[in-house]
Amino acid sequence: MWRLFQNRIATKDNLHKRGVLGQDNLHCVGGCGREESVSHFFFECPLFSGVWYAICHWIGISTAFQKESLSQMEQFEGLIDGRRNFDR
């Protein structure tokens, strides 16, 4: 999680910034045609953001997803400190 919030995940835009990938290889692996970044990969890509929706549905949370990881964390921080009981 620390790597996600620090933008330290090896997405294609981060690999390009480090000189590992060229400009012509930045498209998302999900096949949506957009440039792959941390926020796109986890929160915007139709294929991969579906995982977040499935998890929230599974644990019974109704939510609107944010476009960046820090905003997402702030939205769910109340769940971490025990305000919600998941013993069903």
PDB file of N, CA and C in Angstrom:
ATOM      1  N   MET A   1       0.821  -1.177   0.000  1.00  0.00           N
ATOM      2  CA  MET A   1       0.000   0.000   0.000  1.00  0.00           C
ATOM      3  C   MET A   1       0.874   1.253   0.000  1.00  0.00           C
ATOM      4  N   TRP A   2       1.980   1.195   0.745  1.00  0.00           N
ATOM      5  CA  TRP A   2       2.863   2.361   0.776  1.00  0.00           C
ATOM      6  C   TRP A   2       3.316   2.715  -0.634  1.00  0.00           C
ATOM      7  N   ARG A   3       3.678   1.703  -1.407  1.00  0.00           N
ATOM      8  CA  ARG A   3       4.129   1.949  -2.781  1.00  0.00           C
ATOM      9  C   ARG A   3       3.029   2.575  -3.629  1.00  0.00           C
ATOM     10  N   LEU A   4       1.798   2.160  -3.432  1.00  0.00           N
ATOM     11  CA  LEU A   4       0.675   2.734  -4.170  1.00  0.00           C
ATOM     12  C   LEU A   4       0.534   4.216  -3.861  1.00  0.00           C
ATOM     13  N   PHE A   5       0.547   4.579  -2.579  1.00  0.00           N
ATOM     14  CA  PHE A   5       0.342   5.969  -2.182  1.00  0.00           C
ATOM     15  C   PHE A   5       1.547   6.861  -2.459  1.00  0.00           C
ATOM     16  N   GLN A   6       2.710   6.274  -2.665  1.00  0.00           N
ATOM     17  CA  GLN A   6       3.910   7.036  -3.007  1.00  0.00           C
ATOM     18  C   GLN A   6       4.186   7.038  -4.508  1.00  0.00           C
ATOM     19  N   ASN A   7       3.269   6.473  -5.303  1.00  0.00           N
ATOM     20  CA  ASN A   7       3.428   6.357  -6.757  1.00  0.00           C
ATOM     21  C   ASN A   7       4.725   5.611  -7.104  1.00  0.00           C
ATOM     22  N   ARG A   8       4.975   4.515  -6.414  1.00  0.00           N
ATOM     23  CA  ARG A   8       6.178   3.713  -6.610  1.00  0.00           C
ATOM     24  C   ARG A   8       5.885   2.352  -7.227  1.00  0.00           C
ATOM     25  N   ILE A   9       4.721   2.198  -7.829  1.00  0.00           N
ATOM     26  CA  ILE A   9       4.366   0.953  -8.508  1.00  0.00           C
ATOM     27  C   ILE A   9       4.943   1.014  -9.919  1.00  0.00           C
ATOM     28  N   ALA A  10       5.399  -0.105 -10.419  1.00  0.00           N
ATOM     29  CA  ALA A  10       6.049  -0.151 -11.735  1.00  0.00           C
ATOM     30  C   ALA A  10       5.027  -0.117 -12.867  1.00  0.00           C
ATOM     31  N   THR A  11       4.276   0.971 -12.940  1.00  0.00           N
ATOM     32  CA  THR A  11       3.367   1.156 -14.071  1.00  0.00           C
ATOM     33  C   THR A  11       4.180   1.668 -15.253  1.00  0.00           C
ATOM     34  N   LYS A  12       3.584   1.640 -16.413  1.00  0.00           N
ATOM     35  CA  LYS A  12       4.329   2.010 -17.618  1.00  0.00           C
ATOM     36  C   LYS A  12       4.791   3.463 -17.611  1.00  0.00           C
ATOM     37  N   ASP A  13       3.999   4.378 -17.050  1.00  0.00           N
ATOM     38  CA  ASP A  13       4.460   5.769 -17.001  1.00  0.00           C
ATOM     39  C   ASP A  13       5.667   5.925 -16.077  1.00  0.00           C
ATOM     40  N   ASN A  14       5.678   5.195 -14.960  1.00  0.00           N
ATOM     41  CA  ASN A  14       6.842   5.246 -14.060  1.00  0.00           C
ATOM     42  C   ASN A  14       8.070   4.595 -14.695  1.00  0.00           C
ATOM     43  N   LEU A  15       7.882   3.515 -15.422  1.00  0.00           N
ATOM     44  CA  LEU A  15       9.008   2.876 -16.110  1.00  0.00           C
ATOM     45  C   LEU A  15       9.558   3.782 -17.215  1.00  0.00           C
ATOM     46  N   HIS A  16       8.685   4.521 -17.866  1.00  0.00           N
ATOM     47  CA  HIS A  16       9.123   5.476 -18.892  1.00  0.00           C
ATOM     48  C   HIS A  16       9.949   6.603 -18.258  1.00  0.00           C
ATOM     49  N   LYS A  17       9.517   7.102 -17.114  1.00  0.00           N
ATOM     50  CA  LYS A  17      10.261   8.164 -16.409  1.00  0.00           C
ATOM     51  C   LYS A  17      11.661   7.704 -16.020  1.00  0.00           C
ATOM     52  N   ARG A  18      11.822   6.418 -15.776  1.00  0.00           N
ATOM     53  CA  ARG A  18      13.128   5.863 -15.388  1.00  0.00           C
ATOM     54  C   ARG A  18      13.939   5.380 -16.593  1.00  0.00           C
ATOM     55  N   GLY A  19      13.395   5.557 -17.795  1.00  0.00           N
ATOM     56  CA  GLY A  19      14.128   5.205 -18.999  1.00  0.00           C
ATOM     57  C   GLY A  19      14.057   3.741 -19.387  1.00  0.00           C
ATOM     58  N   VAL A  20      13.139   2.983 -18.777  1.00  0.00           N
ATOM     59  CA  VAL A  20      13.020   1.558 -19.072  1.00  0.00           C
ATOM     60  C   VAL A  20      12.162   1.314 -20.311  1.00  0.00           C
ATOM     61  N   LEU A  21      11.102   2.080 -20.474  1.00  0.00           N
ATOM     62  CA  LEU A  21      10.190   1.934 -21.615  1.00  0.00           C
ATOM     63  C   LEU A  21      10.233   3.178 -22.495  1.00  0.00           C
ATOM     64  N   GLY A  22       9.994   2.980 -23.772  1.00  0.00           N
ATOM     65  CA  GLY A  22       9.914   4.092 -24.699  1.00  0.00           C
ATOM     66  C   GLY A  22       8.526   4.713 -24.723  1.00  0.00           C
ATOM     67  N   GLN A  23       8.415   5.866 -25.332  1.00  0.00           N
ATOM     68  CA  GLN A  23       7.155   6.608 -25.419  1.00  0.00           C
ATOM     69  C   GLN A  23       6.062   5.818 -26.145  1.00  0.00           C
ATOM     70  N   ASP A  24       6.450   4.955 -27.057  1.00  0.00           N
ATOM     71  CA  ASP A  24       5.460   4.222 -27.856  1.00  0.00           C
ATOM     72  C   ASP A  24       4.878   2.996 -27.147  1.00  0.00           C
ATOM     73  N   ASN A  25       5.290   2.732 -25.910  1.00  0.00           N
ATOM     74  CA  ASN A  25       4.848   1.536 -25.195  1.00  0.00           C
ATOM     75  C   ASN A  25       4.167   1.881 -23.874  1.00  0.00           C
ATOM     76  N   LEU A  26       3.366   2.945 -23.852  1.00  0.00           N
ATOM     77  CA  LEU A  26       2.772   3.398 -22.595  1.00  0.00           C
ATOM     78  C   LEU A  26       1.301   3.035 -22.431  1.00  0.00           C
ATOM     79  N   HIS A  27       0.729   2.353 -23.408  1.00  0.00           N
ATOM     80  CA  HIS A  27      -0.694   2.037 -23.332  1.00  0.00           C
ATOM     81  C   HIS A  27      -0.984   1.004 -22.245  1.00  0.00           C
ATOM     82  N   CYS A  28      -2.109   1.157 -21.594  1.00  0.00           N
ATOM     83  CA  CYS A  28      -2.540   0.291 -20.491  1.00  0.00           C
ATOM     84  C   CYS A  28      -2.644  -1.166 -20.948  1.00  0.00           C
ATOM     85  N   VAL A  29      -2.196  -2.081 -20.100  1.00  0.00           N
ATOM     86  CA  VAL A  29      -2.264  -3.501 -20.420  1.00  0.00           C
ATOM     87  C   VAL A  29      -3.696  -4.020 -20.390  1.00  0.00           C
ATOM     88  N   GLY A  30      -4.621  -3.227 -19.864  1.00  0.00           N
ATOM     89  CA  GLY A  30      -6.024  -3.617 -19.842  1.00  0.00           C
ATOM     90  C   GLY A  30      -6.702  -3.476 -21.191  1.00  0.00           C
ATOM     91  N   GLY A  31      -5.995  -2.872 -22.153  1.00  0.00           N
ATOM     92  CA  GLY A  31      -6.531  -2.752 -23.500  1.00  0.00           C
ATOM     93  C   GLY A  31      -7.499  -1.603 -23.718  1.00  0.00           C
ATOM     94  N   CYS A  32      -7.550  -0.659 -22.789  1.00  0.00           N
ATOM     95  CA  CYS A  32      -8.501   0.447 -22.924  1.00  0.00           C
ATOM     96  C   CYS A  32      -7.964   1.577 -23.803  1.00  0.00           C
ATOM     97  N   GLY A  33      -6.668   1.555 -24.117  1.00  0.00           N
ATOM     98  CA  GLY A  33      -6.091   2.561 -25.000  1.00  0.00           C
ATOM     99  C   GLY A  33      -5.537   3.792 -24.321  1.00  0.00           C
ATOM    100  N   ARG A  34      -5.713   3.928 -23.029  1.00  0.00           N
ATOM    101  CA  ARG A  34      -5.196   5.088 -22.304  1.00  0.00           C
ATOM    102  C   ARG A  34      -3.788   4.809 -21.797  1.00  0.00           C
ATOM    103  N   GLU A  35      -3.097   5.856 -21.376  1.00  0.00           N
ATOM    104  CA  GLU A  35      -1.753   5.711 -20.824  1.00  0.00           C
ATOM    105  C   GLU A  35      -1.851   5.108 -19.424  1.00  0.00           C
ATOM    106  N   GLU A  36      -0.976   4.142 -19.149  1.00  0.00           N
ATOM    107  CA  GLU A  36      -1.006   3.447 -17.867  1.00  0.00           C
ATOM    108  C   GLU A  36      -0.267   4.255 -16.806  1.00  0.00           C
ATOM    109  N   SER A  37      -0.977   4.623 -15.754  1.00  0.00           N
ATOM    110  CA  SER A  37      -0.410   5.278 -14.575  1.00  0.00           C
ATOM    111  C   SER A  37      -1.010   4.590 -13.355  1.00  0.00           C
ATOM    112  N   VAL A  38      -0.525   4.929 -12.179  1.00  0.00           N
ATOM    113  CA  VAL A  38      -1.045   4.305 -10.962  1.00  0.00           C
ATOM    114  C   VAL A  38      -2.532   4.591 -10.818  1.00  0.00           C
ATOM    115  N   SER A  39      -2.937   5.867 -10.915  1.00  0.00           N
ATOM    116  CA  SER A  39      -4.357   6.166 -10.734  1.00  0.00           C
ATOM    117  C   SER A  39      -5.208   5.572 -11.838  1.00  0.00           C
ATOM    118  N   HIS A  40      -4.706   5.560 -13.056  1.00  0.00           N
ATOM    119  CA  HIS A  40      -5.492   4.948 -14.122  1.00  0.00           C
ATOM    120  C   HIS A  40      -5.630   3.444 -13.888  1.00  0.00           C
ATOM    121  N   PHE A  41      -4.524   2.788 -13.589  1.00  0.00           N
ATOM    122  CA  PHE A  41      -4.512   1.338 -13.437  1.00  0.00           C
ATOM    123  C   PHE A  41      -5.464   0.874 -12.334  1.00  0.00           C
ATOM    124  N   PHE A  42      -5.422   1.536 -11.182  1.00  0.00           N
ATOM    125  CA  PHE A  42      -6.212   1.088 -10.039  1.00  0.00           C
ATOM    126  C   PHE A  42      -7.619   1.669  -9.969  1.00  0.00           C
ATOM    127  N   PHE A  43      -7.838   2.873 -10.511  1.00  0.00           N
ATOM    128  CA  PHE A  43      -9.111   3.543 -10.269  1.00  0.00           C
ATOM    129  C   PHE A  43      -9.889   3.949 -11.518  1.00  0.00           C
ATOM    130  N   GLU A  44      -9.275   3.950 -12.699  1.00  0.00           N
ATOM    131  CA  GLU A  44      -9.962   4.427 -13.890  1.00  0.00           C
ATOM    132  C   GLU A  44     -10.129   3.375 -14.982  1.00  0.00           C
ATOM    133  N   CYS A  45      -9.213   2.459 -15.096  1.00  0.00           N
ATOM    134  CA  CYS A  45      -9.258   1.448 -16.153  1.00  0.00           C
ATOM    135  C   CYS A  45     -10.503   0.566 -15.976  1.00  0.00           C
ATOM    136  N   PRO A  46     -11.317   0.450 -17.015  1.00  0.00           N
ATOM    137  CA  PRO A  46     -12.540  -0.359 -16.889  1.00  0.00           C
ATOM    138  C   PRO A  46     -12.282  -1.807 -16.470  1.00  0.00           C
ATOM    139  N   LEU A  47     -11.173  -2.372 -16.903  1.00  0.00           N
ATOM    140  CA  LEU A  47     -10.886  -3.772 -16.565  1.00  0.00           C
ATOM    141  C   LEU A  47     -10.422  -3.913 -15.117  1.00  0.00           C
ATOM    142  N   PHE A  48      -9.408  -3.159 -14.723  1.00  0.00           N
ATOM    143  CA  PHE A  48      -8.799  -3.359 -13.408  1.00  0.00           C
ATOM    144  C   PHE A  48      -9.536  -2.674 -12.269  1.00  0.00           C
ATOM    145  N   SER A  49     -10.194  -1.557 -12.534  1.00  0.00           N
ATOM    146  CA  SER A  49     -10.958  -0.914 -11.458  1.00  0.00           C
ATOM    147  C   SER A  49     -12.157  -1.763 -11.063  1.00  0.00           C
ATOM    148  N   GLY A  50     -12.570  -2.671 -11.938  1.00  0.00           N
ATOM    149  CA  GLY A  50     -13.654  -3.586 -11.605  1.00  0.00           C
ATOM    150  C   GLY A  50     -13.343  -4.448 -10.397  1.00  0.00           C
ATOM    151  N   VAL A  51     -12.072  -4.683 -10.131  1.00  0.00           N
ATOM    152  CA  VAL A  51     -11.672  -5.447  -8.943  1.00  0.00           C
ATOM    153  C   VAL A  51     -12.086  -4.693  -7.682  1.00  0.00           C
ATOM    154  N   TRP A  52     -11.862  -3.375  -7.662  1.00  0.00           N
ATOM    155  CA  TRP A  52     -12.256  -2.561  -6.501  1.00  0.00           C
ATOM    156  C   TRP A  52     -13.762  -2.631  -6.284  1.00  0.00           C
ATOM    157  N   TYR A  53     -14.519  -2.514  -7.381  1.00  0.00           N
ATOM    158  CA  TYR A  53     -15.977  -2.596  -7.270  1.00  0.00           C
ATOM    159  C   TYR A  53     -16.411  -3.948  -6.721  1.00  0.00           C
ATOM    160  N   ALA A  54     -15.779  -5.007  -7.189  1.00  0.00           N
ATOM    161  CA  ALA A  54     -16.137  -6.354  -6.724  1.00  0.00           C
ATOM    162  C   ALA A  54     -15.823  -6.525  -5.239  1.00  0.00           C
ATOM    163  N   ILE A  55     -14.696  -6.012  -4.800  1.00  0.00           N
ATOM    164  CA  ILE A  55     -14.329  -6.111  -3.381  1.00  0.00           C
ATOM    165  C   ILE A  55     -15.323  -5.345  -2.524  1.00  0.00           C
ATOM    166  N   CYS A  56     -15.658  -4.126  -2.927  1.00  0.00           N
ATOM    167  CA  CYS A  56     -16.607  -3.321  -2.151  1.00  0.00           C
ATOM    168  C   CYS A  56     -17.982  -3.983  -2.110  1.00  0.00           C
ATOM    169  N   HIS A  57     -18.405  -4.533  -3.215  1.00  0.00           N
ATOM    170  CA  HIS A  57     -19.685  -5.238  -3.246  1.00  0.00           C
ATOM    171  C   HIS A  57     -19.645  -6.449  -2.313  1.00  0.00           C
ATOM    172  N   TRP A  58     -18.545  -7.158  -2.329  1.00  0.00           N
ATOM    173  CA  TRP A  58     -18.374  -8.361  -1.515  1.00  0.00           C
ATOM    174  C   TRP A  58     -18.458  -8.039  -0.021  1.00  0.00           C
ATOM    175  N   ILE A  59     -17.854  -6.903   0.409  1.00  0.00           N
ATOM    176  CA  ILE A  59     -17.885  -6.560   1.837  1.00  0.00           C
ATOM    177  C   ILE A  59     -19.046  -5.628   2.188  1.00  0.00           C
ATOM    178  N   GLY A  60     -19.887  -5.322   1.213  1.00  0.00           N
ATOM    179  CA  GLY A  60     -21.106  -4.569   1.489  1.00  0.00           C
ATOM    180  C   GLY A  60     -20.942  -3.067   1.605  1.00  0.00           C
ATOM    181  N   ILE A  61     -20.027  -2.508   0.830  1.00  0.00           N
ATOM    182  CA  ILE A  61     -19.809  -1.052   0.851  1.00  0.00           C
ATOM    183  C   ILE A  61     -20.309  -0.464  -0.455  1.00  0.00           C
ATOM    184  N   SER A  62     -21.097   0.596  -0.345  1.00  0.00           N
ATOM    185  CA  SER A  62     -21.525   1.339  -1.517  1.00  0.00           C
ATOM    186  C   SER A  62     -20.692   2.616  -1.579  1.00  0.00           C
ATOM    187  N   THR A  63     -20.032   2.866  -2.704  1.00  0.00           N
ATOM    188  CA  THR A  63     -19.107   3.998  -2.767  1.00  0.00           C
ATOM    189  C   THR A  63     -18.991   4.547  -4.184  1.00  0.00           C
ATOM    190  N   ALA A  64     -18.447   5.738  -4.263  1.00  0.00           N
ATOM    191  CA  ALA A  64     -18.029   6.333  -5.538  1.00  0.00           C
ATOM    192  C   ALA A  64     -16.509   6.419  -5.487  1.00  0.00           C
ATOM    193  N   PHE A  65     -15.838   5.928  -6.505  1.00  0.00           N
ATOM    194  CA  PHE A  65     -14.380   5.878  -6.477  1.00  0.00           C
ATOM    195  C   PHE A  65     -13.756   7.199  -6.904  1.00  0.00           C
ATOM    196  N   GLN A  66     -12.664   7.531  -6.253  1.00  0.00           N
ATOM    197  CA  GLN A  66     -11.903   8.734  -6.542  1.00  0.00           C
ATOM    198  C   GLN A  66     -10.933   8.460  -7.685  1.00  0.00           C
ATOM    199  N   LYS A  67     -10.311   9.506  -8.206  1.00  0.00           N
ATOM    200  CA  LYS A  67      -9.380   9.370  -9.325  1.00  0.00           C
ATOM    201  C   LYS A  67      -7.924   9.221  -8.884  1.00  0.00           C
ATOM    202  N   GLU A  68      -7.636   9.347  -7.601  1.00  0.00           N
ATOM    203  CA  GLU A  68      -6.254   9.210  -7.147  1.00  0.00           C
ATOM    204  C   GLU A  68      -6.208   8.434  -5.841  1.00  0.00           C
ATOM    205  N   SER A  69      -5.071   7.837  -5.566  1.00  0.00           N
ATOM    206  CA  SER A  69      -4.952   6.915  -4.435  1.00  0.00           C
ATOM    207  C   SER A  69      -5.105   7.591  -3.082  1.00  0.00           C
ATOM    208  N   LEU A  70      -4.577   8.793  -2.878  1.00  0.00           N
ATOM    209  CA  LEU A  70      -4.702   9.448  -1.571  1.00  0.00           C
ATOM    210  C   LEU A  70      -6.148   9.802  -1.264  1.00  0.00           C
ATOM    211  N   SER A  71      -6.886  10.271  -2.249  1.00  0.00           N
ATOM    212  CA  SER A  71      -8.306  10.558  -2.034  1.00  0.00           C
ATOM    213  C   SER A  71      -9.062   9.277  -1.731  1.00  0.00           C
ATOM    214  N   GLN A  72      -8.690   8.212  -2.378  1.00  0.00           N
ATOM    215  CA  GLN A  72      -9.309   6.916  -2.134  1.00  0.00           C
ATOM    216  C   GLN A  72      -9.044   6.467  -0.704  1.00  0.00           C
ATOM    217  N   MET A  73      -7.829   6.627  -0.237  1.00  0.00           N
ATOM    218  CA  MET A  73      -7.483   6.241   1.123  1.00  0.00           C
ATOM    219  C   MET A  73      -8.284   7.049   2.137  1.00  0.00           C
ATOM    220  N   GLU A  74      -8.399   8.357   1.923  1.00  0.00           N
ATOM    221  CA  GLU A  74      -9.166   9.196   2.833  1.00  0.00           C
ATOM    222  C   GLU A  74     -10.627   8.767   2.890  1.00  0.00           C
ATOM    223  N   GLN A  75     -11.153   8.324   1.776  1.00  0.00           N
ATOM    224  CA  GLN A  75     -12.538   7.895   1.729  1.00  0.00           C
ATOM    225  C   GLN A  75     -12.766   6.650   2.579  1.00  0.00           C
ATOM    226  N   PHE A  76     -11.807   5.763   2.636  1.00  0.00           N
ATOM    227  CA  PHE A  76     -11.968   4.506   3.346  1.00  0.00           C
ATOM    228  C   PHE A  76     -11.270   4.468   4.701  1.00  0.00           C
ATOM    229  N   GLU A  77     -10.679   5.564   5.160  1.00  0.00           N
ATOM    230  CA  GLU A  77      -9.918   5.516   6.400  1.00  0.00           C
ATOM    231  C   GLU A  77     -10.777   5.162   7.607  1.00  0.00           C
ATOM    232  N   GLY A  78     -12.049   5.449   7.584  1.00  0.00           N
ATOM    233  CA  GLY A  78     -12.927   5.094   8.693  1.00  0.00           C
ATOM    234  C   GLY A  78     -13.090   3.600   8.877  1.00  0.00           C
ATOM    235  N   LEU A  79     -12.855   2.841   7.836  1.00  0.00           N
ATOM    236  CA  LEU A  79     -12.974   1.389   7.944  1.00  0.00           C
ATOM    237  C   LEU A  79     -11.810   0.780   8.708  1.00  0.00           C
ATOM    238  N   ILE A  80     -10.672   1.415   8.649  1.00  0.00           N
ATOM    239  CA  ILE A  80      -9.466   0.858   9.253  1.00  0.00           C
ATOM    240  C   ILE A  80      -9.502   0.944  10.773  1.00  0.00           C
ATOM    241  N   ASP A  81     -10.056   2.021  11.312  1.00  0.00           N
ATOM    242  CA  ASP A  81      -9.998   2.189  12.764  1.00  0.00           C
ATOM    243  C   ASP A  81     -11.142   1.479  13.496  1.00  0.00           C
ATOM    244  N   GLY A  82     -11.840   0.601  12.816  1.00  0.00           N
ATOM    245  CA  GLY A  82     -12.807  -0.252  13.487  1.00  0.00           C
ATOM    246  C   GLY A  82     -14.217   0.290  13.566  1.00  0.00           C
ATOM    247  N   ARG A  83     -14.557   1.309  12.835  1.00  0.00           N
ATOM    248  CA  ARG A  83     -15.914   1.835  12.878  1.00  0.00           C
ATOM    249  C   ARG A  83     -16.916   0.911  12.194  1.00  0.00           C
ATOM    250  N   ARG A  84     -16.417  -0.023  11.451  1.00  0.00           N
ATOM    251  CA  ARG A  84     -17.312  -0.950  10.744  1.00  0.00           C
ATOM    252  C   ARG A  84     -16.960  -2.372  11.157  1.00  0.00           C
ATOM    253  N   ASN A  85     -17.936  -3.155  11.472  1.00  0.00           N
ATOM    254  CA  ASN A  85     -17.724  -4.536  11.887  1.00  0.00           C
ATOM    255  C   ASN A  85     -18.013  -5.461  10.709  1.00  0.00           C
ATOM    256  N   PHE A  86     -17.025  -6.264  10.333  1.00  0.00           N
ATOM    257  CA  PHE A  86     -17.170  -7.146   9.193  1.00  0.00           C
ATOM    258  C   PHE A  86     -17.475  -8.580   9.599  1.00  0.00           C
ATOM    259  N   ASP A  87     -17.765  -8.818  10.875  1.00  0.00           N
ATOM    260  CA  ASP A  87     -18.103 -10.169  11.325  1.00  0.00           C
ATOM    261  C   ASP A  87     -19.548 -10.457  10.955  1.00  0.00           C
ATOM    262  N   ARG A  88     -19.750 -11.072   9.816  1.00  0.00           N
ATOM    263  CA  ARG A  88     -21.121 -11.378   9.371  1.00  0.00           C
ATOM    264  C   ARG A  88     -21.376 -12.836   9.478  1.00  0.00           C
TER     265      ARG A  88
END
